[in-house]
Amino acid sequence: MTDRDYAAWMAVRAIGEAATRSTSTNPATIVGFMRSGHFELAAYKGARLSFRSWDGQLRQPVLLADARSLVSVSPQPGFLHQSSELDTLGVDKPETKCRMG
């Protein structure tokens, strides 16, 4: 699976999960549910994935690898965050100017 394949699979899976859990086919309702604190997406990386409410970015672990092996998975242990340990990666809400509607 390439990175493009994975992105497409995750997008379809997220929409399907949100539609199922929100019991709606209305696109606005589905998007609203995906950005709510109630949405979680089980992925193969072992973490409960969700979308940031302010910019729509998917929160997910980053796999650090070399050509032959997995070296580590970030976020690294010990980095704490008030809402999600996955928000320790990248720019956080108070620091960003991105406000996707």
PDB file of N, CA and C in Angstrom:
ATOM      1  N   MET A   1       0.857  -1.175   0.000  1.00  0.00           N
ATOM      2  CA  MET A   1       0.000   0.000   0.000  1.00  0.00           C
ATOM      3  C   MET A   1       0.901   1.235   0.000  1.00  0.00           C
ATOM      4  N   THR A   2       0.656   2.130  -0.912  1.00  0.00           N
ATOM      5  CA  THR A   2       1.436   3.365  -0.972  1.00  0.00           C
ATOM      6  C   THR A   2       0.819   4.406  -0.041  1.00  0.00           C
ATOM      7  N   ASP A   3       1.506   5.517   0.129  1.00  0.00           N
ATOM      8  CA  ASP A   3       0.961   6.573   0.976  1.00  0.00           C
ATOM      9  C   ASP A   3      -0.350   7.119   0.419  1.00  0.00           C
ATOM     10  N   ARG A   4      -0.472   7.169  -0.898  1.00  0.00           N
ATOM     11  CA  ARG A   4      -1.713   7.629  -1.527  1.00  0.00           C
ATOM     12  C   ARG A   4      -2.853   6.628  -1.263  1.00  0.00           C
ATOM     13  N   ASP A   5      -2.561   5.345  -1.355  1.00  0.00           N
ATOM     14  CA  ASP A   5      -3.558   4.312  -1.067  1.00  0.00           C
ATOM     15  C   ASP A   5      -4.032   4.405   0.381  1.00  0.00           C
ATOM     16  N   TYR A   6      -3.082   4.577   1.299  1.00  0.00           N
ATOM     17  CA  TYR A   6      -3.417   4.672   2.718  1.00  0.00           C
ATOM     18  C   TYR A   6      -4.288   5.895   2.988  1.00  0.00           C
ATOM     19  N   ALA A   7      -3.948   7.031   2.388  1.00  0.00           N
ATOM     20  CA  ALA A   7      -4.740   8.249   2.580  1.00  0.00           C
ATOM     21  C   ALA A   7      -6.170   8.060   2.079  1.00  0.00           C
ATOM     22  N   ALA A   8      -6.324   7.426   0.927  1.00  0.00           N
ATOM     23  CA  ALA A   8      -7.659   7.170   0.385  1.00  0.00           C
ATOM     24  C   ALA A   8      -8.431   6.205   1.273  1.00  0.00           C
ATOM     25  N   TRP A   9      -7.778   5.159   1.730  1.00  0.00           N
ATOM     26  CA  TRP A   9      -8.428   4.180   2.610  1.00  0.00           C
ATOM     27  C   TRP A   9      -8.888   4.849   3.905  1.00  0.00           C
ATOM     28  N   MET A  10      -8.024   5.675   4.506  1.00  0.00           N
ATOM     29  CA  MET A  10      -8.375   6.360   5.751  1.00  0.00           C
ATOM     30  C   MET A  10      -9.534   7.330   5.539  1.00  0.00           C
ATOM     31  N   ALA A  11      -9.547   8.038   4.418  1.00  0.00           N
ATOM     32  CA  ALA A  11     -10.627   8.989   4.140  1.00  0.00           C
ATOM     33  C   ALA A  11     -11.973   8.274   4.034  1.00  0.00           C
ATOM     34  N   VAL A  12     -12.001   7.204   3.269  1.00  0.00           N
ATOM     35  CA  VAL A  12     -13.249   6.447   3.104  1.00  0.00           C
ATOM     36  C   VAL A  12     -13.673   5.828   4.427  1.00  0.00           C
ATOM     37  N   ARG A  13     -12.716   5.299   5.160  1.00  0.00           N
ATOM     38  CA  ARG A  13     -13.017   4.688   6.457  1.00  0.00           C
ATOM     39  C   ARG A  13     -13.546   5.714   7.449  1.00  0.00           C
ATOM     40  N   ALA A  14     -12.940   6.908   7.479  1.00  0.00           N
ATOM     41  CA  ALA A  14     -13.383   7.961   8.393  1.00  0.00           C
ATOM     42  C   ALA A  14     -14.814   8.406   8.066  1.00  0.00           C
ATOM     43  N   ILE A  15     -15.098   8.595   6.797  1.00  0.00           N
ATOM     44  CA  ILE A  15     -16.457   9.007   6.401  1.00  0.00           C
ATOM     45  C   ILE A  15     -17.464   7.923   6.749  1.00  0.00           C
ATOM     46  N   GLY A  16     -17.129   6.679   6.464  1.00  0.00           N
ATOM     47  CA  GLY A  16     -18.023   5.574   6.797  1.00  0.00           C
ATOM     48  C   GLY A  16     -18.257   5.445   8.287  1.00  0.00           C
ATOM     49  N   GLU A  17     -17.199   5.578   9.069  1.00  0.00           N
ATOM     50  CA  GLU A  17     -17.316   5.496  10.531  1.00  0.00           C
ATOM     51  C   GLU A  17     -18.184   6.632  11.065  1.00  0.00           C
ATOM     52  N   ALA A  18     -17.965   7.846  10.577  1.00  0.00           N
ATOM     53  CA  ALA A  18     -18.748   8.994  11.039  1.00  0.00           C
ATOM     54  C   ALA A  18     -20.211   8.870  10.630  1.00  0.00           C
ATOM     55  N   ALA A  19     -20.462   8.407   9.418  1.00  0.00           N
ATOM     56  CA  ALA A  19     -21.847   8.232   8.965  1.00  0.00           C
ATOM     57  C   ALA A  19     -22.555   7.174   9.804  1.00  0.00           C
ATOM     58  N   THR A  20     -21.866   6.098  10.107  1.00  0.00           N
ATOM     59  CA  THR A  20     -22.448   5.021  10.913  1.00  0.00           C
ATOM     60  C   THR A  20     -22.735   5.480  12.333  1.00  0.00           C
ATOM     61  N   ARG A  21     -21.764   6.121  12.956  1.00  0.00           N
ATOM     62  CA  ARG A  21     -21.920   6.534  14.356  1.00  0.00           C
ATOM     63  C   ARG A  21     -22.901   7.689  14.526  1.00  0.00           C
ATOM     64  N   SER A  22     -22.956   8.588  13.529  1.00  0.00           N
ATOM     65  CA  SER A  22     -23.889   9.712  13.639  1.00  0.00           C
ATOM     66  C   SER A  22     -25.277   9.347  13.114  1.00  0.00           C
ATOM     67  N   THR A  23     -25.396   8.170  12.525  1.00  0.00           N
ATOM     68  CA  THR A  23     -26.634   7.675  11.902  1.00  0.00           C
ATOM     69  C   THR A  23     -27.234   8.723  10.960  1.00  0.00           C
ATOM     70  N   SER A  24     -26.373   9.301  10.128  1.00  0.00           N
ATOM     71  CA  SER A  24     -26.818  10.333   9.197  1.00  0.00           C
ATOM     72  C   SER A  24     -26.119  10.175   7.856  1.00  0.00           C
ATOM     73  N   THR A  25     -26.783  10.634   6.819  1.00  0.00           N
ATOM     74  CA  THR A  25     -26.158  10.710   5.499  1.00  0.00           C
ATOM     75  C   THR A  25     -25.964  12.157   5.082  1.00  0.00           C
ATOM     76  N   ASN A  26     -26.304  13.092   5.948  1.00  0.00           N
ATOM     77  CA  ASN A  26     -26.128  14.505   5.677  1.00  0.00           C
ATOM     78  C   ASN A  26     -24.647  14.866   5.788  1.00  0.00           C
ATOM     79  N   PRO A  27     -24.044  15.409   4.718  1.00  0.00           N
ATOM     80  CA  PRO A  27     -22.605  15.717   4.751  1.00  0.00           C
ATOM     81  C   PRO A  27     -22.201  16.660   5.885  1.00  0.00           C
ATOM     82  N   ALA A  28     -23.015  17.679   6.176  1.00  0.00           N
ATOM     83  CA  ALA A  28     -22.680  18.619   7.258  1.00  0.00           C
ATOM     84  C   ALA A  28     -22.685  17.917   8.617  1.00  0.00           C
ATOM     85  N   THR A  29     -23.630  17.020   8.820  1.00  0.00           N
ATOM     86  CA  THR A  29     -23.698  16.262  10.073  1.00  0.00           C
ATOM     87  C   THR A  29     -22.497  15.338  10.209  1.00  0.00           C
ATOM     88  N   ILE A  30     -22.122  14.687   9.124  1.00  0.00           N
ATOM     89  CA  ILE A  30     -20.980  13.768   9.144  1.00  0.00           C
ATOM     90  C   ILE A  30     -19.689  14.520   9.444  1.00  0.00           C
ATOM     91  N   VAL A  31     -19.470  15.644   8.775  1.00  0.00           N
ATOM     92  CA  VAL A  31     -18.264  16.447   9.014  1.00  0.00           C
ATOM     93  C   VAL A  31     -18.253  16.976  10.447  1.00  0.00           C
ATOM     94  N   GLY A  32     -19.395  17.442  10.920  1.00  0.00           N
ATOM     95  CA  GLY A  32     -19.490  17.920  12.300  1.00  0.00           C
ATOM     96  C   GLY A  32     -19.151  16.838  13.302  1.00  0.00           C
ATOM     97  N   PHE A  33     -19.638  15.631  13.053  1.00  0.00           N
ATOM     98  CA  PHE A  33     -19.335  14.518  13.955  1.00  0.00           C
ATOM     99  C   PHE A  33     -17.849  14.162  13.898  1.00  0.00           C
ATOM    100  N   MET A  34     -17.266  14.188  12.696  1.00  0.00           N
ATOM    101  CA  MET A  34     -15.847  13.855  12.550  1.00  0.00           C
ATOM    102  C   MET A  34     -14.961  14.828  13.324  1.00  0.00           C
ATOM    103  N   ARG A  35     -15.378  16.063  13.448  1.00  0.00           N
ATOM    104  CA  ARG A  35     -14.590  17.081  14.151  1.00  0.00           C
ATOM    105  C   ARG A  35     -14.967  17.201  15.625  1.00  0.00           C
ATOM    106  N   SER A  36     -15.909  16.417  16.066  1.00  0.00           N
ATOM    107  CA  SER A  36     -16.329  16.489  17.464  1.00  0.00           C
ATOM    108  C   SER A  36     -15.409  15.639  18.338  1.00  0.00           C
ATOM    109  N   GLY A  37     -15.540  15.820  19.612  1.00  0.00           N
ATOM    110  CA  GLY A  37     -14.765  15.038  20.573  1.00  0.00           C
ATOM    111  C   GLY A  37     -15.233  13.599  20.696  1.00  0.00           C
ATOM    112  N   HIS A  38     -16.344  13.258  20.057  1.00  0.00           N
ATOM    113  CA  HIS A  38     -16.892  11.903  20.133  1.00  0.00           C
ATOM    114  C   HIS A  38     -16.351  10.977  19.054  1.00  0.00           C
ATOM    115  N   PHE A  39     -15.711  11.541  18.035  1.00  0.00           N
ATOM    116  CA  PHE A  39     -15.235  10.733  16.909  1.00  0.00           C
ATOM    117  C   PHE A  39     -13.878  10.122  17.229  1.00  0.00           C
ATOM    118  N   GLU A  40     -13.767   8.838  16.990  1.00  0.00           N
ATOM    119  CA  GLU A  40     -12.494   8.118  17.090  1.00  0.00           C
ATOM    120  C   GLU A  40     -12.427   7.145  15.938  1.00  0.00           C
ATOM    121  N   LEU A  41     -11.250   6.999  15.389  1.00  0.00           N
ATOM    122  CA  LEU A  41     -11.048   6.098  14.276  1.00  0.00           C
ATOM    123  C   LEU A  41      -9.982   5.087  14.668  1.00  0.00           C
ATOM    124  N   ALA A  42     -10.358   3.831  14.688  1.00  0.00           N
ATOM    125  CA  ALA A  42      -9.387   2.780  15.001  1.00  0.00           C
ATOM    126  C   ALA A  42      -8.545   2.537  13.755  1.00  0.00           C
ATOM    127  N   ALA A  43      -7.247   2.636  13.912  1.00  0.00           N
ATOM    128  CA  ALA A  43      -6.340   2.416  12.779  1.00  0.00           C
ATOM    129  C   ALA A  43      -5.293   1.384  13.184  1.00  0.00           C
ATOM    130  N   TYR A  44      -4.589   0.904  12.244  1.00  0.00           N
ATOM    131  CA  TYR A  44      -3.648  -0.178  12.532  1.00  0.00           C
ATOM    132  C   TYR A  44      -2.459   0.278  13.352  1.00  0.00           C
ATOM    133  N   LYS A  45      -2.276   1.562  13.573  1.00  0.00           N
ATOM    134  CA  LYS A  45      -1.111   2.072  14.291  1.00  0.00           C
ATOM    135  C   LYS A  45      -1.259   1.996  15.806  1.00  0.00           C
ATOM    136  N   GLY A  46      -2.370   1.484  16.295  1.00  0.00           N
ATOM    137  CA  GLY A  46      -2.526   1.261  17.729  1.00  0.00           C
ATOM    138  C   GLY A  46      -3.023   2.453  18.524  1.00  0.00           C
ATOM    139  N   ALA A  47      -3.327   3.551  17.887  1.00  0.00           N
ATOM    140  CA  ALA A  47      -3.829   4.737  18.586  1.00  0.00           C
ATOM    141  C   ALA A  47      -5.224   5.064  18.077  1.00  0.00           C
ATOM    142  N   ARG A  48      -6.010   5.683  18.936  1.00  0.00           N
ATOM    143  CA  ARG A  48      -7.328   6.155  18.513  1.00  0.00           C
ATOM    144  C   ARG A  48      -7.133   7.480  17.792  1.00  0.00           C
ATOM    145  N   LEU A  49      -7.419   7.492  16.523  1.00  0.00           N
ATOM    146  CA  LEU A  49      -7.200   8.677  15.711  1.00  0.00           C
ATOM    147  C   LEU A  49      -8.425   9.572  15.733  1.00  0.00           C
ATOM    148  N   SER A  50      -8.197  10.860  15.578  1.00  0.00           N
ATOM    149  CA  SER A  50      -9.285  11.832  15.524  1.00  0.00           C
ATOM    150  C   SER A  50      -8.820  13.014  14.683  1.00  0.00           C
ATOM    151  N   PHE A  51      -9.763  13.916  14.417  1.00  0.00           N
ATOM    152  CA  PHE A  51      -9.440  15.109  13.642  1.00  0.00           C
ATOM    153  C   PHE A  51      -9.399  16.315  14.573  1.00  0.00           C
ATOM    154  N   ARG A  52      -8.456  17.213  14.333  1.00  0.00           N
ATOM    155  CA  ARG A  52      -8.412  18.462  15.088  1.00  0.00           C
ATOM    156  C   ARG A  52      -9.613  19.305  14.688  1.00  0.00           C
ATOM    157  N   SER A  53     -10.321  19.855  15.661  1.00  0.00           N
ATOM    158  CA  SER A  53     -11.532  20.629  15.369  1.00  0.00           C
ATOM    159  C   SER A  53     -11.225  21.946  14.677  1.00  0.00           C
ATOM    160  N   TRP A  54     -10.057  22.527  14.907  1.00  0.00           N
ATOM    161  CA  TRP A  54      -9.763  23.852  14.371  1.00  0.00           C
ATOM    162  C   TRP A  54      -9.159  23.857  12.969  1.00  0.00           C
ATOM    163  N   ASP A  55      -8.523  22.783  12.541  1.00  0.00           N
ATOM    164  CA  ASP A  55      -7.946  22.793  11.190  1.00  0.00           C
ATOM    165  C   ASP A  55      -8.223  21.518  10.394  1.00  0.00           C
ATOM    166  N   GLY A  56      -8.931  20.564  10.990  1.00  0.00           N
ATOM    167  CA  GLY A  56      -9.321  19.346  10.289  1.00  0.00           C
ATOM    168  C   GLY A  56      -8.208  18.345  10.075  1.00  0.00           C
ATOM    169  N   GLN A  57      -7.035  18.574  10.652  1.00  0.00           N
ATOM    170  CA  GLN A  57      -5.903  17.669  10.462  1.00  0.00           C
ATOM    171  C   GLN A  57      -6.127  16.361  11.228  1.00  0.00           C
ATOM    172  N   LEU A  58      -5.834  15.243  10.560  1.00  0.00           N
ATOM    173  CA  LEU A  58      -5.937  13.937  11.213  1.00  0.00           C
ATOM    174  C   LEU A  58      -4.789  13.777  12.194  1.00  0.00           C
ATOM    175  N   ARG A  59      -5.134  13.489  13.442  1.00  0.00           N
ATOM    176  CA  ARG A  59      -4.113  13.203  14.457  1.00  0.00           C
ATOM    177  C   ARG A  59      -3.742  11.734  14.315  1.00  0.00           C
ATOM    178  N   GLN A  60      -2.461  11.471  14.065  1.00  0.00           N
ATOM    179  CA  GLN A  60      -2.008  10.089  13.971  1.00  0.00           C
ATOM    180  C   GLN A  60      -0.534  10.002  14.333  1.00  0.00           C
ATOM    181  N   PRO A  61      -0.098   8.855  14.822  1.00  0.00           N
ATOM    182  CA  PRO A  61       1.321   8.686  15.127  1.00  0.00           C
ATOM    183  C   PRO A  61       2.168   8.772  13.855  1.00  0.00           C
ATOM    184  N   VAL A  62       3.418   9.127  14.050  1.00  0.00           N
ATOM    185  CA  VAL A  62       4.374   9.173  12.953  1.00  0.00           C
ATOM    186  C   VAL A  62       5.354   8.020  13.148  1.00  0.00           C
ATOM    187  N   LEU A  63       5.460   7.181  12.137  1.00  0.00           N
ATOM    188  CA  LEU A  63       6.384   6.054  12.202  1.00  0.00           C
ATOM    189  C   LEU A  63       7.753   6.521  11.709  1.00  0.00           C
ATOM    190  N   LEU A  64       8.766   6.343  12.542  1.00  0.00           N
ATOM    191  CA  LEU A  64      10.127   6.720  12.178  1.00  0.00           C
ATOM    192  C   LEU A  64      10.884   5.447  11.818  1.00  0.00           C
ATOM    193  N   ALA A  65      11.354   5.395  10.590  1.00  0.00           N
ATOM    194  CA  ALA A  65      11.963   4.152  10.109  1.00  0.00           C
ATOM    195  C   ALA A  65      13.168   4.450   9.235  1.00  0.00           C
ATOM    196  N   ASP A  66      14.022   3.445   9.104  1.00  0.00           N
ATOM    197  CA  ASP A  66      15.073   3.511   8.102  1.00  0.00           C
ATOM    198  C   ASP A  66      14.696   2.526   6.998  1.00  0.00           C
ATOM    199  N   ALA A  67      15.609   2.196   6.148  1.00  0.00           N
ATOM    200  CA  ALA A  67      15.285   1.354   4.999  1.00  0.00           C
ATOM    201  C   ALA A  67      14.852  -0.060   5.379  1.00  0.00           C
ATOM    202  N   ARG A  68      15.258  -0.543   6.556  1.00  0.00           N
ATOM    203  CA  ARG A  68      14.994  -1.935   6.905  1.00  0.00           C
ATOM    204  C   ARG A  68      14.180  -2.173   8.167  1.00  0.00           C
ATOM    205  N   SER A  69      13.963  -1.139   8.963  1.00  0.00           N
ATOM    206  CA  SER A  69      13.259  -1.404  10.221  1.00  0.00           C
ATOM    207  C   SER A  69      12.580  -0.160  10.771  1.00  0.00           C
ATOM    208  N   LEU A  70      11.618  -0.415  11.649  1.00  0.00           N
ATOM    209  CA  LEU A  70      10.948   0.650  12.384  1.00  0.00           C
ATOM    210  C   LEU A  70      11.861   1.043  13.534  1.00  0.00           C
ATOM    211  N   VAL A  71      12.183   2.326  13.629  1.00  0.00           N
ATOM    212  CA  VAL A  71      13.083   2.810  14.666  1.00  0.00           C
ATOM    213  C   VAL A  71      12.310   3.242  15.903  1.00  0.00           C
ATOM    214  N   SER A  72      11.230   3.998  15.686  1.00  0.00           N
ATOM    215  CA  SER A  72      10.459   4.526  16.800  1.00  0.00           C
ATOM    216  C   SER A  72       9.095   4.991  16.286  1.00  0.00           C
ATOM    217  N   VAL A  73       8.205   5.244  17.214  1.00  0.00           N
ATOM    218  CA  VAL A  73       6.893   5.798  16.882  1.00  0.00           C
ATOM    219  C   VAL A  73       6.708   7.065  17.710  1.00  0.00           C
ATOM    220  N   SER A  74       6.431   8.168  17.035  1.00  0.00           N
ATOM    221  CA  SER A  74       6.165   9.419  17.748  1.00  0.00           C
ATOM    222  C   SER A  74       4.664   9.642  17.799  1.00  0.00           C
ATOM    223  N   PRO A  75       4.130  10.193  18.875  1.00  0.00           N
ATOM    224  CA  PRO A  75       4.812  10.989  19.865  1.00  0.00           C
ATOM    225  C   PRO A  75       5.652  10.131  20.805  1.00  0.00           C
ATOM    226  N   GLN A  76       6.747  10.701  21.240  1.00  0.00           N
ATOM    227  CA  GLN A  76       7.654  10.010  22.133  1.00  0.00           C
ATOM    228  C   GLN A  76       7.086   9.979  23.550  1.00  0.00           C
ATOM    229  N   PRO A  77       7.373   8.939  24.308  1.00  0.00           N
ATOM    230  CA  PRO A  77       6.902   8.877  25.696  1.00  0.00           C
ATOM    231  C   PRO A  77       7.392  10.079  26.506  1.00  0.00           C
ATOM    232  N   GLY A  78       6.522  10.584  27.358  1.00  0.00           N
ATOM    233  CA  GLY A  78       6.895  11.688  28.236  1.00  0.00           C
ATOM    234  C   GLY A  78       6.454  13.050  27.753  1.00  0.00           C
ATOM    235  N   PHE A  79       6.031  13.173  26.504  1.00  0.00           N
ATOM    236  CA  PHE A  79       5.518  14.442  25.999  1.00  0.00           C
ATOM    237  C   PHE A  79       4.023  14.478  26.264  1.00  0.00           C
ATOM    238  N   LEU A  80       3.607  15.327  27.176  1.00  0.00           N
ATOM    239  CA  LEU A  80       2.212  15.380  27.594  1.00  0.00           C
ATOM    240  C   LEU A  80       1.482  16.527  26.915  1.00  0.00           C
ATOM    241  N   HIS A  81       0.186  16.367  26.740  1.00  0.00           N
ATOM    242  CA  HIS A  81      -0.664  17.408  26.173  1.00  0.00           C
ATOM    243  C   HIS A  81      -2.002  17.360  26.887  1.00  0.00           C
ATOM    244  N   GLN A  82      -2.645  18.521  27.037  1.00  0.00           N
ATOM    245  CA  GLN A  82      -3.893  18.582  27.805  1.00  0.00           C
ATOM    246  C   GLN A  82      -5.072  17.887  27.139  1.00  0.00           C
ATOM    247  N   SER A  83      -5.058  17.738  25.803  1.00  0.00           N
ATOM    248  CA  SER A  83      -6.215  17.096  25.171  1.00  0.00           C
ATOM    249  C   SER A  83      -5.871  15.783  24.481  1.00  0.00           C
ATOM    250  N   SER A  84      -4.753  15.718  23.764  1.00  0.00           N
ATOM    251  CA  SER A  84      -4.379  14.497  23.064  1.00  0.00           C
ATOM    252  C   SER A  84      -2.864  14.434  22.931  1.00  0.00           C
ATOM    253  N   GLU A  85      -2.281  13.309  23.288  1.00  0.00           N
ATOM    254  CA  GLU A  85      -0.825  13.194  23.140  1.00  0.00           C
ATOM    255  C   GLU A  85      -0.405  13.342  21.684  1.00  0.00           C
ATOM    256  N   LEU A  86      -1.316  13.068  20.751  1.00  0.00           N
ATOM    257  CA  LEU A  86      -1.001  13.244  19.339  1.00  0.00           C
ATOM    258  C   LEU A  86      -0.896  14.722  18.954  1.00  0.00           C
ATOM    259  N   ASP A  87      -1.397  15.625  19.806  1.00  0.00           N
ATOM    260  CA  ASP A  87      -1.242  17.049  19.539  1.00  0.00           C
ATOM    261  C   ASP A  87       0.145  17.560  19.905  1.00  0.00           C
ATOM    262  N   THR A  88       1.000  16.718  20.445  1.00  0.00           N
ATOM    263  CA  THR A  88       2.387  17.132  20.687  1.00  0.00           C
ATOM    264  C   THR A  88       3.161  17.182  19.378  1.00  0.00           C
ATOM    265  N   LEU A  89       2.599  16.598  18.303  1.00  0.00           N
ATOM    266  CA  LEU A  89       3.232  16.627  16.984  1.00  0.00           C
ATOM    267  C   LEU A  89       2.675  17.799  16.188  1.00  0.00           C
ATOM    268  N   GLY A  90       3.525  18.607  15.623  1.00  0.00           N
ATOM    269  CA  GLY A  90       3.073  19.704  14.777  1.00  0.00           C
ATOM    270  C   GLY A  90       2.694  20.937  15.569  1.00  0.00           C
ATOM    271  N   VAL A  91       2.063  21.861  14.875  1.00  0.00           N
ATOM    272  CA  VAL A  91       1.666  23.139  15.457  1.00  0.00           C
ATOM    273  C   VAL A  91       0.329  22.971  16.171  1.00  0.00           C
ATOM    274  N   ASP A  92       0.245  23.467  17.407  1.00  0.00           N
ATOM    275  CA  ASP A  92      -0.951  23.321  18.224  1.00  0.00           C
ATOM    276  C   ASP A  92      -1.915  24.493  18.009  1.00  0.00           C
ATOM    277  N   LYS A  93      -3.122  24.367  18.506  1.00  0.00           N
ATOM    278  CA  LYS A  93      -4.193  25.352  18.284  1.00  0.00           C
ATOM    279  C   LYS A  93      -3.780  26.780  18.632  1.00  0.00           C
ATOM    280  N   PRO A  94      -3.204  27.048  19.813  1.00  0.00           N
ATOM    281  CA  PRO A  94      -2.871  28.443  20.124  1.00  0.00           C
ATOM    282  C   PRO A  94      -1.760  29.022  19.224  1.00  0.00           C
ATOM    283  N   GLU A  95      -0.999  28.164  18.591  1.00  0.00           N
ATOM    284  CA  GLU A  95       0.154  28.606  17.809  1.00  0.00           C
ATOM    285  C   GLU A  95      -0.133  28.741  16.319  1.00  0.00           C
ATOM    286  N   THR A  96      -1.266  28.254  15.842  1.00  0.00           N
ATOM    287  CA  THR A  96      -1.541  28.253  14.409  1.00  0.00           C
ATOM    288  C   THR A  96      -2.486  29.371  14.000  1.00  0.00           C
ATOM    289  N   LYS A  97      -2.353  29.791  12.767  1.00  0.00           N
ATOM    290  CA  LYS A  97      -3.273  30.774  12.201  1.00  0.00           C
ATOM    291  C   LYS A  97      -4.316  30.080  11.321  1.00  0.00           C
ATOM    292  N   CYS A  98      -4.191  28.768  11.162  1.00  0.00           N
ATOM    293  CA  CYS A  98      -5.109  27.998  10.314  1.00  0.00           C
ATOM    294  C   CYS A  98      -6.425  27.784  11.044  1.00  0.00           C
ATOM    295  N   ARG A  99      -7.496  28.231  10.463  1.00  0.00           N
ATOM    296  CA  ARG A  99      -8.839  28.036  11.015  1.00  0.00           C
ATOM    297  C   ARG A  99      -9.743  27.589   9.879  1.00  0.00           C
ATOM    298  N   MET A 100      -9.721  26.309   9.597  1.00  0.00           N
ATOM    299  CA  MET A 100     -10.534  25.775   8.519  1.00  0.00           C
ATOM    300  C   MET A 100     -11.990  25.735   8.951  1.00  0.00           C
ATOM    301  N   GLY A 101     -12.882  26.217   8.130  1.00  0.00           N
ATOM    302  CA  GLY A 101     -14.294  26.333   8.483  1.00  0.00           C
ATOM    303  C   GLY A 101     -15.076  25.096   8.396  1.00  0.00           C
TER     304      GLY A 101
END
